[in-house]
Protein backbone atom coordinates (compact mmCIF):
# COMPACT_ATOMS: atom_id res chain seq x y z
CA MET A 1 15.59 21.66 5.99
CA GLU A 2 12.30 22.38 7.36
CA LYS A 3 10.57 19.58 9.98
CA LEU A 4 7.08 18.63 8.57
CA THR A 5 4.25 18.19 10.43
CA GLY A 6 2.49 15.30 9.34
CA ALA A 7 -1.07 14.64 8.76
CA LEU A 8 -2.32 11.88 11.06
CA ARG A 9 -4.83 9.07 9.75
CA THR A 10 -6.73 7.38 12.32
CA TYR A 11 -8.77 4.37 10.06
CA PRO A 12 -9.65 1.71 12.15
CA TRP A 13 -7.40 -0.44 10.87
CA GLY A 14 -4.58 1.06 12.00
CA SER A 15 -2.57 0.24 15.22
CA HIS A 16 -2.79 1.43 18.53
CA THR A 17 1.25 1.03 19.21
CA LEU A 18 3.23 0.72 16.09
CA LEU A 19 3.32 4.55 15.05
CA ALA A 20 3.18 5.20 18.85
CA ASP A 21 6.37 3.38 19.80
CA LEU A 22 8.26 4.27 16.74
CA ARG A 23 7.62 8.22 17.75
CA GLY A 24 7.82 7.73 21.01
CA THR A 25 4.03 9.18 21.67
CA THR A 26 1.41 7.37 24.38
CA SER A 27 1.47 3.97 23.81
CA PRO A 28 -1.43 2.37 23.06
CA SER A 29 -2.69 5.56 21.47
CA PRO A 30 -6.63 6.29 22.26
CA ALA A 31 -7.25 5.93 18.66
CA PRO A 32 -6.09 3.54 16.27
CA GLU A 33 -3.40 5.25 14.02
CA ALA A 34 -2.98 4.06 10.75
CA GLU A 35 -1.04 6.53 8.44
CA LEU A 36 0.96 9.77 8.94
CA TRP A 37 1.09 11.62 5.47
CA PHE A 38 4.47 13.93 4.31
CA GLY A 39 3.70 15.69 1.15
CA ALA A 40 1.07 18.25 -0.29
CA ASN A 41 -1.65 16.20 -1.28
CA PRO A 42 -4.74 18.11 -0.94
CA GLY A 43 -6.82 15.99 1.51
CA GLY A 44 -4.14 15.95 4.07
CA SER A 45 -1.09 18.40 3.57
CA SER A 46 1.81 18.39 6.11
CA LEU A 47 2.31 21.40 7.98
CA ILE A 48 5.50 23.65 7.94
CA GLY A 49 5.02 25.56 11.02
CA ASP A 50 1.18 26.17 11.24
CA ARG A 51 1.26 26.59 7.38
CA PRO A 52 0.34 23.49 5.10
CA LEU A 53 2.89 22.82 2.62
CA THR A 54 0.27 23.09 -0.48
CA GLU A 55 -0.12 26.89 0.20
CA ILE A 56 3.76 27.08 0.52
CA ILE A 57 3.91 25.59 -2.83
CA ALA A 58 1.61 27.64 -4.32
CA GLU A 59 2.85 30.74 -3.26
CA ASP A 60 6.44 29.80 -4.54
CA PRO A 61 6.33 26.66 -7.09
CA GLU A 62 9.35 27.47 -8.69
CA GLY A 63 11.51 28.11 -5.25
CA GLN A 64 10.01 25.13 -3.73
CA LEU A 65 9.60 21.96 -6.76
CA GLY A 66 11.89 23.52 -9.35
CA SER A 67 11.02 25.22 -12.81
CA ASN A 68 9.63 22.26 -14.04
CA SER A 69 6.69 21.22 -11.83
CA THR A 70 3.71 23.08 -10.41
CA SER A 71 2.80 20.32 -7.72
CA LEU A 72 5.01 17.91 -5.53
CA PRO A 73 4.73 14.96 -8.07
CA PHE A 74 4.83 12.14 -4.46
CA LEU A 75 3.36 11.73 -1.33
CA VAL A 76 5.22 9.93 1.84
CA LYS A 77 3.54 8.12 4.45
CA ILE A 78 4.37 5.98 8.03
CA LEU A 79 1.78 3.50 7.28
CA ALA A 80 0.46 1.30 10.66
CA ALA A 81 -1.54 -1.70 9.80
CA GLY A 82 -3.05 -3.39 12.94
CA GLU A 83 -5.35 -5.07 10.70
CA PRO A 84 -5.98 -5.95 7.19
CA LEU A 85 -6.56 -3.14 4.94
CA SER A 86 -9.10 -3.36 2.23
CA LEU A 87 -8.91 -5.50 -0.70
CA GLN A 88 -8.17 -2.63 -3.26
CA ALA A 89 -6.18 -1.54 -6.68
CA HIS A 90 -5.26 1.47 -8.20
CA PRO A 91 -6.24 2.64 -11.59
CA THR A 92 -3.62 3.59 -14.55
CA LYS A 93 -3.11 7.78 -15.31
CA GLU A 94 -5.57 7.11 -18.39
CA GLN A 95 -8.22 5.48 -16.22
CA ALA A 96 -7.94 8.64 -13.52
CA VAL A 97 -8.26 10.80 -15.87
CA LYS A 98 -11.13 9.41 -17.26
CA GLY A 99 -13.10 8.50 -14.08
CA PHE A 100 -12.17 11.67 -12.68
CA ALA A 101 -13.81 13.48 -14.96
CA ARG A 102 -16.60 10.93 -15.37
CA GLU A 103 -17.70 11.33 -11.83
CA ASN A 104 -17.16 15.27 -11.79
CA GLU A 105 -19.89 15.26 -14.54
CA GLU A 106 -21.96 12.97 -12.27
CA GLY A 107 -21.84 15.61 -9.77
CA ILE A 108 -20.44 13.28 -6.91
CA ASP A 109 -19.07 15.58 -4.03
CA ILE A 110 -15.52 15.10 -4.26
CA SER A 111 -15.74 13.82 -0.03
CA ALA A 112 -18.55 11.19 -0.66
CA PRO A 113 -18.19 8.01 0.31
CA GLU A 114 -19.23 6.76 -2.88
CA ARG A 115 -16.52 8.40 -4.77
CA ASN A 116 -14.10 6.53 -6.62
CA TYR A 117 -12.17 9.09 -8.20
CA ARG A 118 -10.81 11.87 -6.08
CA ASP A 119 -8.18 13.31 -8.16
CA ASP A 120 -7.05 12.24 -11.79
CA ASN A 121 -3.72 10.83 -10.97
CA HIS A 122 -2.36 7.01 -10.64
CA LYS A 123 -0.95 5.94 -7.85
CA PRO A 124 2.18 3.51 -7.77
CA GLU A 125 3.40 2.62 -4.65
CA LEU A 126 6.48 1.19 -2.84
CA LEU A 127 6.25 0.04 0.01
CA ILE A 128 9.33 -0.63 2.77
CA ALA A 129 9.08 -2.62 5.82
CA LEU A 130 10.36 -0.61 9.19
CA SER A 131 9.10 -3.79 11.06
CA PRO A 132 7.68 -7.30 10.05
CA PHE A 133 5.43 -7.18 7.67
CA ARG A 134 2.48 -9.60 5.53
CA ALA A 135 0.79 -8.29 2.80
CA LEU A 136 -1.56 -10.16 -0.32
CA ALA A 137 0.15 -8.67 -3.54
CA GLY A 138 -0.86 -9.20 -6.80
CA PHE A 139 -2.12 -12.70 -8.48
CA ARG A 140 -0.42 -15.48 -7.84
CA PRO A 141 0.91 -17.74 -10.68
CA LEU A 142 -2.17 -19.92 -11.56
CA ALA A 143 -0.22 -23.10 -11.56
CA LEU A 144 0.41 -22.15 -7.95
CA THR A 145 -3.10 -21.74 -7.24
CA ALA A 146 -4.04 -24.62 -9.17
CA GLU A 147 -1.79 -26.61 -6.52
CA LEU A 148 -3.47 -24.94 -3.31
CA PHE A 149 -6.67 -25.71 -4.90
CA ALA A 150 -5.62 -29.30 -4.95
CA ALA A 151 -4.15 -29.29 -1.27
CA PHE A 152 -7.61 -27.38 0.04
CA SER A 153 -10.03 -29.64 -2.18
CA CYS A 154 -13.61 -29.65 -1.32
CA PRO A 155 -16.78 -30.30 -3.53
CA THR A 156 -17.61 -26.77 -4.00
CA LEU A 157 -14.10 -25.63 -4.58
CA ASP A 158 -13.81 -28.38 -6.81
CA ARG A 159 -16.49 -26.56 -9.01
CA TYR A 160 -14.24 -24.08 -9.67
CA ARG A 161 -11.07 -25.90 -10.50
CA LEU A 162 -11.49 -25.97 -14.41
CA MET A 163 -10.76 -21.76 -14.54
CA VAL A 164 -7.67 -22.32 -12.48
CA ASP A 165 -6.46 -25.21 -15.16
CA CYS A 166 -7.10 -22.99 -18.07
CA GLU A 167 -4.37 -22.44 -20.05
CA ASP A 168 -4.79 -18.79 -20.69
CA GLU A 169 -3.95 -17.04 -17.31
CA GLY A 170 -5.38 -13.86 -17.53
CA GLU A 171 -8.79 -15.73 -18.90
CA GLY A 172 -8.67 -17.86 -16.02
CA LEU A 173 -7.94 -15.40 -13.46
CA ARG A 174 -10.76 -13.12 -14.48
CA ALA A 175 -13.39 -15.65 -14.74
CA LEU A 176 -12.67 -16.81 -11.73
CA LEU A 177 -12.68 -13.50 -10.02
CA THR A 178 -15.50 -12.30 -11.87
CA THR A 179 -17.51 -15.41 -10.65
CA TRP A 180 -16.81 -15.49 -7.01
CA VAL A 181 -17.77 -12.10 -6.73
CA SER A 182 -20.86 -12.64 -8.27
CA ILE A 183 -22.26 -15.55 -6.45
CA PRO A 184 -25.24 -15.31 -3.94
CA ARG A 185 -24.35 -14.74 -0.34
CA THR A 186 -25.53 -18.31 0.57
CA ALA A 187 -23.68 -19.93 -1.83
CA ARG A 188 -20.81 -17.93 -0.68
CA GLU A 189 -21.09 -18.84 2.57
CA THR A 190 -21.20 -22.70 1.98
CA LEU A 191 -17.94 -22.64 -0.17
CA ILE A 192 -16.02 -20.36 2.59
CA GLY A 193 -17.73 -22.65 5.36
CA GLU A 194 -16.27 -26.00 3.31
CA LEU A 195 -12.96 -24.09 2.35
CA VAL A 196 -12.14 -23.57 6.31
CA GLU A 197 -12.65 -27.02 7.25
CA SER A 198 -10.49 -28.12 4.42
CA ILE A 199 -8.06 -25.90 5.32
CA ASP A 200 -7.88 -27.46 8.86
CA GLY A 201 -7.75 -31.17 7.23
CA TYR A 202 -4.42 -30.40 5.45
CA MET A 203 -2.97 -28.30 8.63
CA ALA A 204 -3.49 -32.37 10.04
CA ARG A 205 -1.69 -33.73 7.41
CA ALA A 206 1.78 -35.28 7.77
CA ASP A 207 2.73 -33.72 3.99
CA THR A 208 2.02 -30.14 4.34
CA LYS A 209 3.74 -27.30 2.43
CA GLU A 210 5.22 -24.56 4.57
CA TRP A 211 3.77 -21.40 1.66
CA ILE A 212 0.32 -23.95 1.58
CA VAL A 213 -0.22 -23.73 5.38
CA ALA A 214 0.43 -19.98 5.63
CA VAL A 215 -2.09 -19.12 3.06
CA GLY A 216 -4.38 -21.24 4.88
CA GLU A 217 -3.63 -19.47 8.38
CA GLU A 218 -4.02 -16.43 6.17
CA ILE A 219 -7.64 -17.38 4.89
CA LYS A 220 -8.61 -18.55 8.11
CA ALA A 221 -7.86 -15.42 10.24
CA LEU A 222 -9.58 -13.25 7.38
CA GLN A 223 -13.05 -15.27 7.73
CA GLU A 224 -12.29 -14.62 11.31
CA ARG A 225 -12.03 -10.73 10.88
CA TYR A 226 -14.35 -10.58 8.19
CA PRO A 227 -16.82 -13.45 8.06
CA PHE A 228 -18.02 -14.65 5.00
CA ASP A 229 -17.00 -11.49 3.31
CA VAL A 230 -15.76 -11.74 -0.75
CA GLY A 231 -12.70 -11.26 -0.20
CA VAL A 232 -12.09 -14.21 2.14
CA LEU A 233 -12.02 -15.96 -1.04
CA VAL A 234 -10.65 -13.33 -3.45
CA ALA A 235 -7.30 -13.58 -1.18
CA LEU A 236 -7.03 -17.31 -2.29
CA LEU A 237 -5.61 -15.97 -5.72
CA LEU A 238 -3.08 -13.76 -4.20
CA ASN A 239 0.17 -14.05 -3.20
CA LEU A 240 0.75 -14.32 0.36
CA VAL A 241 4.17 -12.15 1.17
CA GLU A 242 6.11 -11.63 4.21
CA LEU A 243 9.23 -8.68 4.08
CA ALA A 244 11.56 -8.44 6.90
CA PRO A 245 12.75 -4.61 7.94
CA GLY A 246 14.18 -3.17 4.99
CA GLU A 247 12.46 -5.35 2.64
CA ALA A 248 9.66 -3.88 0.04
CA LEU A 249 7.47 -4.46 -2.58
CA TYR A 250 6.51 -3.01 -5.44
CA LEU A 251 2.65 -2.28 -6.93
CA ASP A 252 1.71 -0.53 -10.39
CA ALA A 253 -1.83 -0.19 -11.48
CA GLY A 254 -4.01 -2.76 -11.41
CA GLN A 255 -2.59 -5.02 -9.27
CA LEU A 256 -4.89 -6.38 -6.34
CA HIS A 257 -3.57 -6.19 -2.79
CA SER A 258 -4.25 -5.66 0.58
CA TYR A 259 -1.66 -5.06 3.68
CA LEU A 260 -2.31 -7.31 6.55
CA GLY A 261 -0.66 -6.14 9.19
CA GLY A 262 3.06 -4.03 10.29
CA LEU A 263 4.97 -0.48 9.96
CA ALA A 264 6.17 0.58 7.15
CA VAL A 265 7.19 3.70 4.81
CA GLU A 266 5.15 4.06 2.14
CA VAL A 267 5.67 6.23 -1.30
CA GLN A 268 3.73 6.74 -3.83
CA ALA A 269 1.93 8.99 -6.55
CA ASN A 270 0.45 11.80 -5.33
CA SER A 271 -3.04 10.55 -5.64
CA ASP A 272 -5.79 9.14 -3.23
CA ASN A 273 -7.55 6.90 -5.79
CA VAL A 274 -8.99 3.69 -4.72
CA LEU A 275 -10.79 1.36 -6.06
CA ARG A 276 -12.26 -1.65 -3.49
CA GLY A 277 -13.30 -5.03 -3.41
CA GLY A 278 -13.66 -5.94 -0.28
CA LEU A 279 -12.74 -6.75 3.80
CA THR A 280 -13.78 -3.41 3.96
CA SER A 281 -16.93 -1.50 5.39
CA LYS A 282 -15.96 1.16 2.93
CA HIS A 283 -17.73 1.85 -0.68
CA VAL A 284 -16.81 -0.99 -2.82
CA ASP A 285 -17.58 -0.81 -6.61
CA VAL A 286 -17.15 -4.37 -8.03
CA PRO A 287 -17.50 -3.45 -11.22
CA GLU A 288 -15.10 -0.65 -11.70
CA LEU A 289 -12.56 -2.32 -10.14
CA VAL A 290 -13.00 -5.59 -12.55
CA HIS A 291 -12.36 -2.45 -14.80
CA VAL A 292 -8.85 -1.16 -13.76
CA LEU A 293 -7.82 -4.92 -12.80
CA SER A 294 -4.72 -6.48 -14.20
CA PHE A 295 -5.24 -9.81 -14.69
CA THR A 296 -1.68 -10.79 -15.40
CA SER A 297 0.28 -12.63 -12.49
CA LEU A 298 2.57 -11.17 -10.10
CA ASP A 299 5.52 -13.77 -9.64
CA ASP A 300 7.35 -11.57 -6.97
CA PRO A 301 6.69 -8.24 -5.90
CA ARG A 302 9.76 -7.61 -4.26
CA VAL A 303 12.13 -5.11 -4.67
CA HIS A 304 15.97 -4.46 -3.49
CA ALA A 305 17.86 -1.58 -2.54
CA ASP A 306 21.07 -1.37 -4.63
CA ALA A 307 24.67 -1.23 -2.68
CA ASP A 308 23.68 2.51 -2.36
CA GLY A 309 20.48 2.02 -0.76
CA ARG A 310 18.45 2.99 -4.28
CA TYR A 311 14.84 0.85 -4.73
CA SER A 312 14.96 1.03 -8.61
CA VAL A 313 10.73 1.04 -9.83
CA PRO A 314 9.34 1.88 -12.90
CA VAL A 315 7.79 5.38 -12.11
CA ASP A 316 8.77 9.09 -12.78
CA GLU A 317 7.25 10.43 -9.77
CA PHE A 318 9.82 9.89 -7.27
CA GLY A 319 12.86 7.57 -6.46
CA VAL A 320 13.80 6.20 -2.66
CA ARG A 321 16.99 5.52 -0.82
CA HIS A 322 17.08 3.89 2.28
CA VAL A 323 20.10 4.87 4.44
CA ALA A 324 22.30 4.42 7.37
CA ASP A 325 24.89 5.30 9.86
CA THR A 326 26.23 8.10 7.43
CA ASP A 327 27.31 11.65 6.25
CA LEU A 328 25.29 12.88 2.86
CA ASN A 329 25.69 15.99 0.82
CA LEU A 330 21.88 16.51 -0.94
CA ALA A 331 22.67 19.36 -3.50
CA HIS A 332 20.31 21.90 -4.34
CA GLY A 333 18.00 22.01 -7.65
CA THR A 334 15.45 18.53 -5.94
CA PRO A 335 12.40 18.86 -3.71
CA ARG A 336 13.17 16.18 -0.90
CA ILE A 337 11.24 14.74 1.95
CA VAL A 338 13.54 13.30 4.80
CA VAL A 339 12.10 10.26 7.25
CA CYS A 340 14.04 9.09 9.84
CA VAL A 341 12.95 5.77 10.89
CA SER A 342 15.76 5.39 13.52
CA GLY A 343 18.01 6.92 15.56
CA THR A 344 18.63 10.63 14.41
CA VAL A 345 18.68 13.31 11.22
CA ASP A 346 20.82 15.77 11.71
CA ALA A 347 21.05 18.42 8.83
CA SER A 348 23.86 21.36 8.46
CA ASP A 349 21.46 23.88 9.33
CA GLY A 350 20.50 22.47 12.81
CA THR A 351 17.31 20.90 12.12
CA THR A 352 17.35 17.56 13.66
CA LEU A 353 14.45 14.96 13.14
CA ALA A 354 13.90 12.04 15.54
CA PRO A 355 12.20 8.84 15.08
CA GLY A 356 8.72 8.88 12.52
CA GLU A 357 9.26 12.90 11.96
CA ALA A 358 9.96 14.20 8.39
CA GLY A 359 11.89 17.12 6.88
CA TRP A 360 11.12 19.15 3.45
CA ILE A 361 14.31 20.56 1.55
CA ALA A 362 13.22 22.54 -1.42
CA ALA A 363 14.28 22.78 -4.62
CA GLY A 364 15.94 26.13 -3.84
CA ASP A 365 17.72 25.88 -0.88
CA PRO A 366 21.16 25.06 -1.11
CA ASP A 367 22.82 21.78 -0.68
CA THR A 368 21.69 20.46 2.38
CA GLN A 369 24.42 18.21 4.42
CA LEU A 370 22.81 14.75 6.60
CA THR A 371 24.57 13.00 9.44
CA VAL A 372 21.80 10.40 9.63
CA SER A 373 22.83 8.17 13.36
CA GLY A 374 20.76 5.14 12.63
CA LYS A 375 18.25 4.84 9.51
CA ALA A 376 16.56 7.28 7.34
CA MET A 377 14.70 7.17 4.27
CA ILE A 378 14.97 10.16 1.86
CA VAL A 379 12.96 10.38 -1.05
CA SER A 380 12.62 12.91 -4.09
């Protein structure tokens, strides 16, 4: 096993403490630390020594990945959200291929801020919480959203009640979202202003429901951070998920989401395609976002590890196992990234990982014995 140096991303929504405290570096950090990438993505490859993993794989794809691959299909990140991420969704593989080709034909530079498709891959993702973690994840079932509208009833919001009382859930969600993202700013400000007042009124009642109060508090927090942004309205339609450490959620193509706060390991197909719809200062392309969205509700985006710590997700690009205080033998033939999230991970070749560090096991390496004294994620 060879130690990887991750590619650190200092996006504005990152945390000054979460990654720093995990890794034992200066806390608070001078800049917000958002993501630490472990993998071979062209936009941010890890290093082995002073050499990019992308370069090492390109020189010997069979030795690094095995006989059936020419590129590493997954990317591993430690994600530290100090503030909400943009409201976003990711395309299907077919949509990514078409979008990438179209933007190439249009001559949009691959690094241009208005670029939507930076590669031709999809981006299903599994997020495993390392700390208490909050997210907006997938459309809430419409019957519950109707209950939420009733709780936060106010004259302007009530105009949209028929859309959430619609028998066709997909059409109701599509109609409401496309209406909200296109209303003039003055109308949006009026709606959000009334909504916030109504939320305060609901919270003062004696007969409140816990989940509705939680949504109301989040809407108010988003309004404070992004005043009158369309994402404040769209957040009303999404599941508010709170994860304890070790719990996970899975998001497939087209599922609208925003990570709100916390520390987690995120494993995804090796892509950087993001369609944004709000809660951001970055490029927003609402028509393309609506094009890739799935307007099917998500009852519960959570996934649970089995007795061996494996998370079952419907993707071919990666598998994830969460292990704690154990000895393991990892058979040769499969490329792996091992991330230490607490304690230490000791490999049979003498490599030791501390929290926040990761190691690369190439397909051509011999069997590797690991001693995990703490917790680790093994991605293959």
